[in-house]
Amino acid sequence: MFYDHQAFVAAYEQSFSKLTASQYQGLDQLLSFVQLDPDIDDDRRVAYMLATVKHECANTFQPITEFGADSYFAKYESGTAIGRRLGNTQPGDGLRFKGRGYVQITGRANYLKLGQAVNLGTAFIDQPTRVLEPVNAYRIMSVGMRKGLFTGKKLSDYIGDPGVDYVAARRIINGQDKAVEIAAYATTLQDALTQARID
């Protein structure tokens, strides 16, 4: 799938707002990653992925780190229920494996699982900030959303034949948090992608 990037950006800006240089660069890079991804072949799935990034990355279209003072991440420490669920086993894991990337992966277990899923083994355990490298952040999002590695739900559960349920698709990442808002983004982005599609 190929898109005219300038046409897509024009449609995006008409529907949302003018992009800053950094936002433009991030969105342009995401479209390039999608075009090179042999496993993503449906505008509707691309739209939902972009809508997810728009929300999860606070409209920056750049991989980001979860906000909060160091003390905020104590809730993810190995001695807490949340920390244990996230596979945090060592003191400091809550801060070390805080949310990062396009989809904010969190916890030692997820860093390991996603590193293995993108054929990087323990790279994200050894160097957690590598999740912020755009190509890694994209690969994590793509494989995670396609294979249901975040919550057990995957893109094909909600977006494919016979139809689309962008609201329920939020379950791929995070229950129903902001599901209606993200679904609205996806609908608008789908229209922009259709306008920019090069067949």
Protein backbone atom coordinates (compact mmCIF):
# COMPACT_ATOMS: atom_id res chain seq x y z
CA MET A 1 0.00 0.00 0.00
CA PHE A 2 1.27 3.40 -0.91
CA TYR A 3 0.05 6.85 0.02
CA ASP A 4 0.72 10.34 -1.28
CA HIS A 5 2.11 11.77 1.95
CA GLN A 6 1.39 15.39 1.07
CA ALA A 7 -2.21 14.57 0.18
CA PHE A 8 -2.60 12.68 3.44
CA VAL A 9 -1.17 15.54 5.48
CA ALA A 10 -3.43 18.03 3.70
CA ALA A 11 -6.48 15.90 4.51
CA TYR A 12 -5.29 15.45 8.09
CA GLU A 13 -4.80 19.18 8.60
CA GLN A 14 -8.19 19.95 7.10
CA SER A 15 -9.86 17.62 9.63
CA PHE A 16 -7.71 18.21 12.71
CA SER A 17 -5.15 21.02 12.85
CA LYS A 18 -1.94 22.18 11.20
CA LEU A 19 0.98 19.93 12.05
CA THR A 20 4.18 21.23 13.62
CA ALA A 21 7.45 20.24 11.95
CA SER A 22 7.96 17.50 14.54
CA GLN A 23 4.43 16.15 14.14
CA TYR A 24 4.81 16.18 10.36
CA GLN A 25 8.10 14.30 10.58
CA GLY A 26 6.57 11.71 12.91
CA LEU A 27 3.46 11.16 10.81
CA ASP A 28 5.50 11.00 7.61
CA GLN A 29 7.77 8.39 9.19
CA LEU A 30 4.79 6.33 10.37
CA LEU A 31 3.33 6.30 6.85
CA SER A 32 6.70 5.17 5.52
CA PHE A 33 6.84 2.32 8.03
CA VAL A 34 3.31 1.24 7.07
CA GLN A 35 4.20 1.24 3.38
CA LEU A 36 7.14 -1.09 4.08
CA ASP A 37 5.14 -3.43 6.34
CA PRO A 38 4.04 -6.50 4.35
CA ASP A 39 1.68 -7.53 7.14
CA ILE A 40 -0.47 -4.38 7.03
CA ASP A 41 -2.64 -4.29 3.92
CA ASP A 42 -5.89 -2.62 4.93
CA ASP A 43 -6.48 1.16 5.11
CA ARG A 44 -8.86 0.61 8.02
CA ARG A 45 -6.15 -1.08 10.08
CA VAL A 46 -3.67 1.65 9.19
CA ALA A 47 -6.26 4.24 10.26
CA TYR A 48 -6.75 2.55 13.62
CA MET A 49 -3.01 2.23 14.21
CA LEU A 50 -2.51 5.93 13.44
CA ALA A 51 -5.47 6.86 15.66
CA THR A 52 -3.92 4.85 18.48
CA VAL A 53 -0.59 6.66 18.08
CA LYS A 54 -2.38 10.03 17.93
CA HIS A 55 -3.93 9.29 21.31
CA GLU A 56 -1.15 7.35 23.06
CA CYS A 57 1.56 9.84 22.05
CA ALA A 58 -0.45 12.97 22.86
CA ASN A 59 -0.66 14.12 19.23
CA THR A 60 3.14 14.16 18.82
CA PHE A 61 3.31 11.16 16.44
CA GLN A 62 6.65 10.43 18.11
CA PRO A 63 7.45 7.53 20.46
CA ILE A 64 7.20 8.91 23.99
CA THR A 65 7.91 7.97 27.59
CA GLU A 66 5.11 7.72 30.14
CA PHE A 67 4.75 10.98 32.05
CA GLY A 68 5.31 11.20 35.80
CA ALA A 69 7.87 11.85 38.52
CA ASP A 70 10.01 8.88 39.53
CA SER A 71 7.81 8.36 42.61
CA TYR A 72 4.78 7.83 40.34
CA PHE A 73 6.25 4.57 39.08
CA ALA A 74 6.46 3.05 42.57
CA LYS A 75 3.02 1.56 41.86
CA TYR A 76 4.70 -0.68 39.26
CA GLU A 77 7.42 -1.97 41.61
CA SER A 78 7.98 -5.70 42.04
CA GLY A 79 6.34 -5.81 45.48
CA THR A 80 3.00 -4.44 44.24
CA ALA A 81 0.10 -6.30 42.64
CA ILE A 82 0.43 -4.25 39.44
CA GLY A 83 4.18 -4.80 39.38
CA ARG A 84 3.82 -8.55 39.75
CA ARG A 85 1.22 -8.62 36.96
CA LEU A 86 3.68 -6.73 34.73
CA GLY A 87 6.44 -9.23 35.50
CA ASN A 88 8.55 -6.74 37.43
CA THR A 89 10.89 -8.80 39.60
CA GLN A 90 13.75 -6.47 40.57
CA PRO A 91 13.83 -3.30 42.66
CA GLY A 92 13.60 -0.35 40.27
CA ASP A 93 11.75 -2.27 37.55
CA GLY A 94 8.73 0.03 37.88
CA LEU A 95 10.76 3.02 36.73
CA ARG A 96 13.07 1.06 34.42
CA PHE A 97 10.19 -0.52 32.46
CA LYS A 98 7.73 2.39 32.47
CA GLY A 99 5.50 3.00 29.47
CA ARG A 100 7.37 3.79 26.27
CA GLY A 101 6.91 3.79 22.52
CA TYR A 102 3.94 4.40 20.28
CA VAL A 103 1.69 2.17 22.41
CA GLN A 104 3.30 2.61 25.82
CA ILE A 105 4.45 -0.93 26.63
CA THR A 106 4.96 -1.28 30.38
CA GLY A 107 6.65 -3.86 32.60
CA ARG A 108 9.58 -6.26 32.36
CA ALA A 109 7.44 -9.10 30.99
CA ASN A 110 6.14 -6.97 28.12
CA TYR A 111 9.57 -5.58 27.26
CA LEU A 112 10.86 -9.14 27.03
CA LYS A 113 7.85 -10.50 25.14
CA LEU A 114 7.86 -7.69 22.57
CA GLY A 115 11.63 -7.81 22.16
CA GLN A 116 11.34 -11.49 21.31
CA ALA A 117 8.34 -10.85 19.04
CA VAL A 118 10.37 -8.42 16.90
CA ASN A 119 13.40 -10.75 16.85
CA LEU A 120 15.54 -8.62 19.18
CA GLY A 121 15.66 -11.09 22.05
CA THR A 122 16.48 -9.36 25.34
CA ALA A 123 17.46 -6.03 23.75
CA PHE A 124 14.62 -4.13 25.44
CA ILE A 125 15.48 -5.66 28.83
CA ASP A 126 19.15 -4.74 28.41
CA GLN A 127 18.39 -1.25 27.05
CA PRO A 128 14.76 -0.27 27.71
CA THR A 129 15.06 3.06 25.90
CA ARG A 130 15.52 1.20 22.60
CA VAL A 131 11.71 0.92 22.64
CA LEU A 132 11.74 4.65 21.81
CA GLU A 133 13.61 4.16 18.53
CA PRO A 134 10.90 4.81 15.91
CA VAL A 135 11.53 1.64 13.92
CA ASN A 136 11.36 -0.46 17.10
CA ALA A 137 8.28 1.40 18.36
CA TYR A 138 6.58 0.74 15.02
CA ARG A 139 7.53 -2.95 14.92
CA ILE A 140 6.22 -3.38 18.49
CA MET A 141 2.93 -1.73 17.58
CA SER A 142 2.50 -3.67 14.34
CA VAL A 143 3.25 -7.14 15.68
CA GLY A 144 1.50 -6.46 18.98
CA MET A 145 -1.72 -5.23 17.40
CA ARG A 146 -1.74 -7.92 14.71
CA LYS A 147 -1.01 -10.84 17.04
CA GLY A 148 -2.85 -9.68 20.14
CA LEU A 149 0.28 -9.43 22.27
CA PHE A 150 -0.95 -6.53 24.41
CA THR A 151 -4.31 -7.77 25.72
CA GLY A 152 -5.02 -10.93 23.74
CA LYS A 153 -7.20 -8.98 21.28
CA LYS A 154 -5.94 -8.29 17.76
CA LEU A 155 -6.74 -6.07 14.78
CA SER A 156 -8.47 -8.86 12.88
CA ASP A 157 -10.92 -9.31 15.77
CA TYR A 158 -12.42 -5.89 15.05
CA ILE A 159 -11.21 -4.68 11.66
CA GLY A 160 -11.63 -6.90 8.62
CA ASP A 161 -14.34 -8.97 7.01
CA PRO A 162 -17.22 -8.51 7.44
CA GLY A 163 -16.78 -5.06 8.97
CA VAL A 164 -15.21 -2.61 11.38
CA ASP A 165 -15.80 -1.83 15.04
CA TYR A 166 -13.36 0.96 15.86
CA VAL A 167 -14.88 1.50 19.31
CA ALA A 168 -14.42 -2.12 20.41
CA ALA A 169 -10.96 -2.18 18.79
CA ARG A 170 -9.66 -0.19 21.76
CA ARG A 171 -9.57 -3.55 23.57
CA ILE A 172 -6.44 -4.34 21.54
CA ILE A 173 -4.51 -1.84 23.67
CA ASN A 174 -6.38 -0.77 26.79
CA GLY A 175 -9.92 -1.88 27.59
CA GLN A 176 -12.35 0.85 26.61
CA ASP A 177 -10.34 3.87 27.80
CA LYS A 178 -11.06 6.76 25.36
CA ALA A 179 -12.51 4.23 22.90
CA VAL A 180 -15.08 6.58 21.33
CA GLU A 181 -12.56 9.40 20.88
CA ILE A 182 -10.00 7.10 19.24
CA ALA A 183 -12.70 5.57 17.03
CA ALA A 184 -13.59 9.05 15.78
CA TYR A 185 -9.93 9.68 14.97
CA ALA A 186 -9.78 6.39 13.07
CA THR A 187 -12.85 7.22 10.98
CA THR A 188 -11.39 10.58 9.99
CA LEU A 189 -7.96 9.09 9.31
CA GLN A 190 -9.51 6.35 7.17
CA ASP A 191 -11.05 9.04 4.96
CA ALA A 192 -7.69 10.83 4.71
CA LEU A 193 -5.92 7.59 3.78
CA THR A 194 -8.52 6.82 1.12
CA GLN A 195 -7.98 10.26 -0.42
CA ALA A 196 -4.20 9.77 -0.38
CA ARG A 197 -4.08 6.16 -1.57
CA ILE A 198 -1.92 5.47 -4.61
CA ASP A 199 -3.06 2.29 -6.36
